[in-house]
C-alpha cells in the first residue's frame, strides 16, 4: 500500500522563503521553537525551559511572537509541498469553547487523513456549511468525487446548493476519518486551557493542522525502520520550508 506521506521526495517547489530580517537569533533556533510549540502540547514557558536546558536563553514572550509570525508561514510552506488531495472528502464539525462561548470548528480531510482546511464559525447552519464547501473548493482548486458527512442536515442542504453533482454519503459510521482528525486539536485545547478569541483560534489551528500533521505519519502502519526513514524525509522538508537547511548556525 502506498501512502501519501511516503511521496515527499521530489516534491520540493519554489516559493518565497520566510524573511528573518531584524531577528538576532539564528533561523535554527526560531524554527525549532515553533516546531516544539506546534508539535507537542507545550506552553510558551515550557518551550522557554526546554531551550534553556540546551543553553539557549529566550523568553516565553519571544517564543509567542515567533509562533504568531512564523507559524502560518511554515504551515503554508509545508502545504505547498504536499501531494494533491484525494478525491474523497470527509467533513465534520465539533464544538469548541472560546471565552466561555460555544463555537464550531469545521474540518475537512481527504481519505488519507490530510487536512484540507479548517474554519471556526459561530454556527453550524446551512450558511456556515455552504461557506465551508465553497472555501474548500477554492482552496484546493478541485471538486471531490465523494463527500462524506455525518447526519447534520445543514451539510446535506449546503451540498445540494454548492456541489449537487458530487456523491454525498451521510452516515456517522463512515466519517471516523474526520472525527479522529479532531483528537490532536482536543489535546491542544486542553493544554492551552481553551482559546481566547475566534481569530486567535483560527490562526493557531490553521498553523497547528499544517505543522503537527506533517510530523504525524500513521506509525502503526509502518515498521520502525520505515518510520525513521519517513521522519528523516519530513525533517528535511521542514528544513527546506523554514529555510533552515544549509544556513550558517550564527546570526
Protein backbone atom coordinates (compact mmCIF):
# COMPACT_ATOMS: atom_id res chain seq x y z
CA UNK A 1 0.00 0.00 0.00
CA UNK A 2 1.29 3.47 -0.90
CA UNK A 3 0.56 6.31 1.49
CA UNK A 4 0.56 9.99 0.58
CA UNK A 5 3.15 10.74 3.26
CA UNK A 6 5.63 8.46 1.51
CA UNK A 7 5.79 10.77 -1.51
CA UNK A 8 7.69 13.73 -0.12
CA UNK A 9 10.82 13.04 -2.16
CA UNK A 10 10.88 15.16 -5.29
CA UNK A 11 8.04 17.36 -4.00
CA UNK A 12 10.10 20.47 -3.26
CA UNK A 13 8.68 23.52 -5.01
CA UNK A 14 9.99 27.02 -5.46
CA UNK A 15 8.43 29.58 -3.13
CA UNK A 16 9.46 32.76 -1.36
CA UNK A 17 11.41 31.80 1.77
CA UNK A 18 10.40 33.25 5.16
CA UNK A 19 12.04 36.57 5.96
CA UNK A 20 14.12 36.68 9.15
CA UNK A 21 15.34 40.23 8.71
CA UNK A 22 15.71 42.01 12.04
CA UNK A 23 15.86 38.82 14.12
CA UNK A 24 19.05 38.36 16.12
CA UNK A 25 18.53 34.65 16.79
CA UNK A 26 19.60 32.06 14.20
CA UNK A 27 16.94 30.56 11.97
CA UNK A 28 17.55 27.14 13.53
CA UNK A 29 16.51 28.39 16.98
CA UNK A 30 13.41 30.19 15.71
CA UNK A 31 12.20 27.23 13.66
CA UNK A 32 12.97 24.79 16.48
CA UNK A 33 10.89 26.78 18.98
CA UNK A 34 7.98 26.99 16.55
CA UNK A 35 8.28 23.24 15.91
CA UNK A 36 8.28 22.42 19.63
CA UNK A 37 5.20 24.52 20.33
CA UNK A 38 3.11 23.18 17.45
CA UNK A 39 4.30 19.58 17.54
CA UNK A 40 3.91 18.90 21.29
CA UNK A 41 1.31 20.07 23.85
CA UNK A 42 3.67 22.63 25.40
CA UNK A 43 3.16 26.14 26.72
CA UNK A 44 5.43 29.03 25.74
CA UNK A 45 7.08 28.85 29.16
CA UNK A 46 7.77 25.13 28.73
CA UNK A 47 9.40 25.82 25.37
CA UNK A 48 11.49 28.50 27.11
CA UNK A 49 12.57 25.93 29.71
CA UNK A 50 13.48 23.31 27.11
CA UNK A 51 15.60 25.81 25.22
CA UNK A 52 17.29 26.93 28.46
CA UNK A 53 18.28 23.30 29.15
CA UNK A 54 20.06 23.40 25.78
CA UNK A 55 21.88 26.60 26.71
CA UNK A 56 19.67 28.98 24.69
CA UNK A 57 18.25 31.92 26.65
CA UNK A 58 14.98 33.06 25.08
CA UNK A 59 11.89 34.43 26.82
CA UNK A 60 8.43 32.89 26.51
CA UNK A 61 7.16 36.17 25.05
CA UNK A 62 9.71 35.93 22.25
CA UNK A 63 8.59 32.36 21.57
CA UNK A 64 5.00 33.61 21.41
CA UNK A 65 5.91 36.27 18.85
CA UNK A 66 7.83 33.78 16.76
CA UNK A 67 4.89 31.36 16.72
CA UNK A 68 2.47 34.14 15.79
CA UNK A 69 4.71 35.43 12.99
CA UNK A 70 6.09 32.23 11.51
CA UNK A 71 3.56 29.52 12.42
CA UNK A 72 1.21 30.07 9.49
CA UNK A 73 4.14 30.85 7.17
CA UNK A 74 5.72 27.48 7.92
CA UNK A 75 2.39 25.66 7.67
CA UNK A 76 1.70 27.26 4.29
CA UNK A 77 5.12 26.24 3.00
CA UNK A 78 4.51 22.65 4.10
CA UNK A 79 1.11 22.58 2.42
CA UNK A 80 2.58 23.76 -0.86
CA UNK A 81 4.84 20.71 -0.77
CA UNK A 82 2.04 18.25 -0.14
CA UNK A 83 0.72 15.96 -2.88
CA UNK A 84 -2.64 16.82 -4.38
CA UNK A 85 -5.51 15.92 -2.05
CA UNK A 86 -7.58 12.82 -2.63
CA UNK A 87 -10.98 12.86 -4.29
CA UNK A 88 -12.89 11.65 -1.23
CA UNK A 89 -13.52 14.35 1.36
CA UNK A 90 -14.63 13.80 4.94
CA UNK A 91 -16.27 16.79 6.63
CA UNK A 92 -17.10 17.10 10.30
CA UNK A 93 -17.74 19.79 12.89
CA UNK A 94 -17.18 19.84 16.65
CA UNK A 95 -17.90 22.45 19.28
CA UNK A 96 -15.14 24.39 20.98
CA UNK A 97 -15.39 26.94 23.75
CA UNK A 98 -13.84 30.35 23.19
CA UNK A 99 -14.01 32.67 26.20
CA UNK A 100 -16.86 30.56 27.53
CA UNK A 101 -18.92 30.85 24.32
CA UNK A 102 -19.82 27.86 22.18
CA UNK A 103 -18.31 27.93 18.68
CA UNK A 104 -17.98 25.29 15.98
CA UNK A 105 -14.82 24.02 14.34
CA UNK A 106 -15.37 22.75 10.80
CA UNK A 107 -12.73 20.41 9.42
CA UNK A 108 -12.24 18.61 6.12
CA UNK A 109 -9.76 15.79 5.45
CA UNK A 110 -9.24 13.51 2.49
CA UNK A 111 -9.26 9.71 2.53
CA UNK A 112 -5.58 9.63 3.58
CA UNK A 113 -6.14 11.91 6.58
CA UNK A 114 -4.56 15.03 5.06
CA UNK A 115 -6.25 18.14 6.47
CA UNK A 116 -7.72 20.19 3.64
CA UNK A 117 -8.97 23.14 5.65
CA UNK A 118 -10.46 24.23 8.97
CA UNK A 119 -12.91 27.01 9.78
CA UNK A 120 -14.12 28.37 13.12
CA UNK A 121 -17.72 29.60 12.96
CA UNK A 122 -20.40 30.76 15.38
CA UNK A 123 -22.99 28.33 13.97
CA UNK A 124 -23.29 25.04 12.16
CA UNK A 125 -26.25 26.01 9.99
CA UNK A 126 -26.60 25.78 6.22
CA UNK A 127 -24.92 29.15 5.65
CA UNK A 128 -21.81 28.03 7.58
CA UNK A 129 -21.69 24.70 5.75
CA UNK A 130 -22.17 26.42 2.38
CA UNK A 131 -19.31 28.82 3.07
CA UNK A 132 -17.06 25.94 4.13
CA UNK A 133 -17.85 23.97 0.94
CA UNK A 134 -17.03 26.95 -1.26
CA UNK A 135 -13.89 27.75 0.72
CA UNK A 136 -12.70 24.16 0.31
CA UNK A 137 -13.17 24.10 -3.46
CA UNK A 138 -11.42 27.46 -3.83
CA UNK A 139 -8.50 26.46 -1.63
CA UNK A 140 -7.94 23.04 -3.23
CA UNK A 141 -8.87 24.19 -6.77
CA UNK A 142 -10.73 20.91 -7.19
CA UNK A 143 -14.08 19.19 -6.83
CA UNK A 144 -14.27 15.88 -4.94
CA UNK A 145 -15.69 12.63 -6.24
CA UNK A 146 -17.37 11.82 -2.91
CA UNK A 147 -18.24 13.90 0.15
CA UNK A 148 -18.78 12.09 3.48
CA UNK A 149 -20.51 13.83 6.37
CA UNK A 150 -22.40 12.90 9.49
CA UNK A 151 -26.17 13.33 9.75
CA UNK A 152 -26.19 17.09 10.31
CA UNK A 153 -28.88 18.38 7.95
CA UNK A 154 -27.06 21.61 7.19
CA UNK A 155 -24.34 19.67 5.34
CA UNK A 156 -26.90 17.98 3.12
CA UNK A 157 -28.60 21.27 2.29
CA UNK A 158 -25.29 23.01 1.53
CA UNK A 159 -24.17 20.07 -0.60
CA UNK A 160 -27.30 20.32 -2.77
CA UNK A 161 -26.68 24.03 -3.29
CA UNK A 162 -22.93 24.08 -3.89
CA UNK A 163 -21.97 20.72 -5.44
CA UNK A 164 -25.14 18.82 -6.38
CA UNK A 165 -23.32 16.60 -8.92
CA UNK A 166 -20.96 15.20 -6.25
CA UNK A 167 -21.91 11.98 -4.48
CA UNK A 168 -22.88 12.60 -0.86
CA UNK A 169 -22.64 9.84 1.75
CA UNK A 170 -24.30 10.73 5.00
CA UNK A 171 -23.61 8.28 7.81
CA UNK A 172 -21.94 8.76 11.17
CA UNK A 173 -20.06 5.46 10.98
CA UNK A 174 -18.42 6.39 7.67
CA UNK A 175 -16.92 9.62 8.98
CA UNK A 176 -14.40 8.29 11.51
CA UNK A 177 -11.55 9.70 9.42
CA UNK A 178 -12.66 13.30 10.12
CA UNK A 179 -13.67 12.60 13.72
CA UNK A 180 -10.26 11.09 14.53
CA UNK A 181 -8.60 14.14 13.00
CA UNK A 182 -10.09 16.28 15.79
CA UNK A 183 -8.17 14.42 18.53
CA UNK A 184 -4.89 16.42 18.35
CA UNK A 185 -6.92 19.64 18.46
CA UNK A 186 -8.73 18.48 21.58
CA UNK A 187 -5.40 17.65 23.19
CA UNK A 188 -4.04 21.13 22.47
CA UNK A 189 -7.27 22.78 23.58
CA UNK A 190 -6.92 21.14 26.99
CA UNK A 191 -3.23 22.04 27.25
CA UNK A 192 -3.96 25.68 26.38
CA UNK A 193 -6.98 25.77 28.73
CA UNK A 194 -9.17 26.93 25.87
CA UNK A 195 -8.87 29.63 23.25
CA UNK A 196 -9.16 33.36 23.91
CA UNK A 197 -10.72 34.62 20.68
CA UNK A 198 -12.21 33.31 17.44
CA UNK A 199 -9.49 34.91 15.33
CA UNK A 200 -6.77 33.55 17.59
CA UNK A 201 -8.24 30.06 17.42
CA UNK A 202 -8.47 30.22 13.63
CA UNK A 203 -4.86 31.39 13.25
CA UNK A 204 -3.44 28.87 15.70
CA UNK A 205 -5.40 25.89 14.38
CA UNK A 206 -4.52 26.73 10.78
CA UNK A 207 -0.82 26.61 11.66
CA UNK A 208 -1.21 23.68 14.03
CA UNK A 209 -3.03 21.49 11.50
CA UNK A 210 -0.27 22.06 8.95
CA UNK A 211 2.76 21.63 11.21
CA UNK A 212 1.54 18.94 13.61
CA UNK A 213 0.12 16.67 10.92
CA UNK A 214 3.35 16.87 8.95
CA UNK A 215 5.12 15.06 11.81
CA UNK A 216 2.35 12.54 12.45
CA UNK A 217 2.60 9.70 9.92
CA UNK A 218 0.39 6.78 10.77
CA UNK A 219 3.12 4.99 12.65
CA UNK A 220 1.07 1.90 13.41
CA UNK A 221 1.12 1.05 9.68
CA UNK A 222 4.91 1.29 9.39
CA UNK A 223 7.88 -0.68 10.58
CA UNK A 224 10.38 1.06 12.86
CA UNK A 225 12.88 1.31 10.00
CA UNK A 226 10.34 2.77 7.60
CA UNK A 227 9.14 5.21 10.25
CA UNK A 228 12.65 6.55 10.87
CA UNK A 229 13.28 6.89 7.13
CA UNK A 230 9.97 8.71 6.69
CA UNK A 231 10.67 11.09 9.57
CA UNK A 232 14.12 11.83 8.12
CA UNK A 233 12.42 12.90 4.90
CA UNK A 234 9.90 15.00 6.78
CA UNK A 235 12.56 16.80 8.78
CA UNK A 236 14.36 17.55 5.52
CA UNK A 237 11.14 19.03 4.13
CA UNK A 238 10.78 21.07 7.34
CA UNK A 239 14.30 22.42 6.92
CA UNK A 240 13.52 23.41 3.33
CA UNK A 241 10.23 25.03 4.34
CA UNK A 242 11.78 27.10 7.14
CA UNK A 243 14.91 27.95 5.12
CA UNK A 244 16.99 26.48 7.96
CA UNK A 245 18.67 23.80 5.84
CA UNK A 246 22.13 24.70 4.68
CA UNK A 247 22.26 28.05 6.53
CA UNK A 248 25.07 29.06 8.90
CA UNK A 249 24.41 28.45 12.57
CA UNK A 250 25.20 32.00 13.63
CA UNK A 251 23.02 35.06 13.08
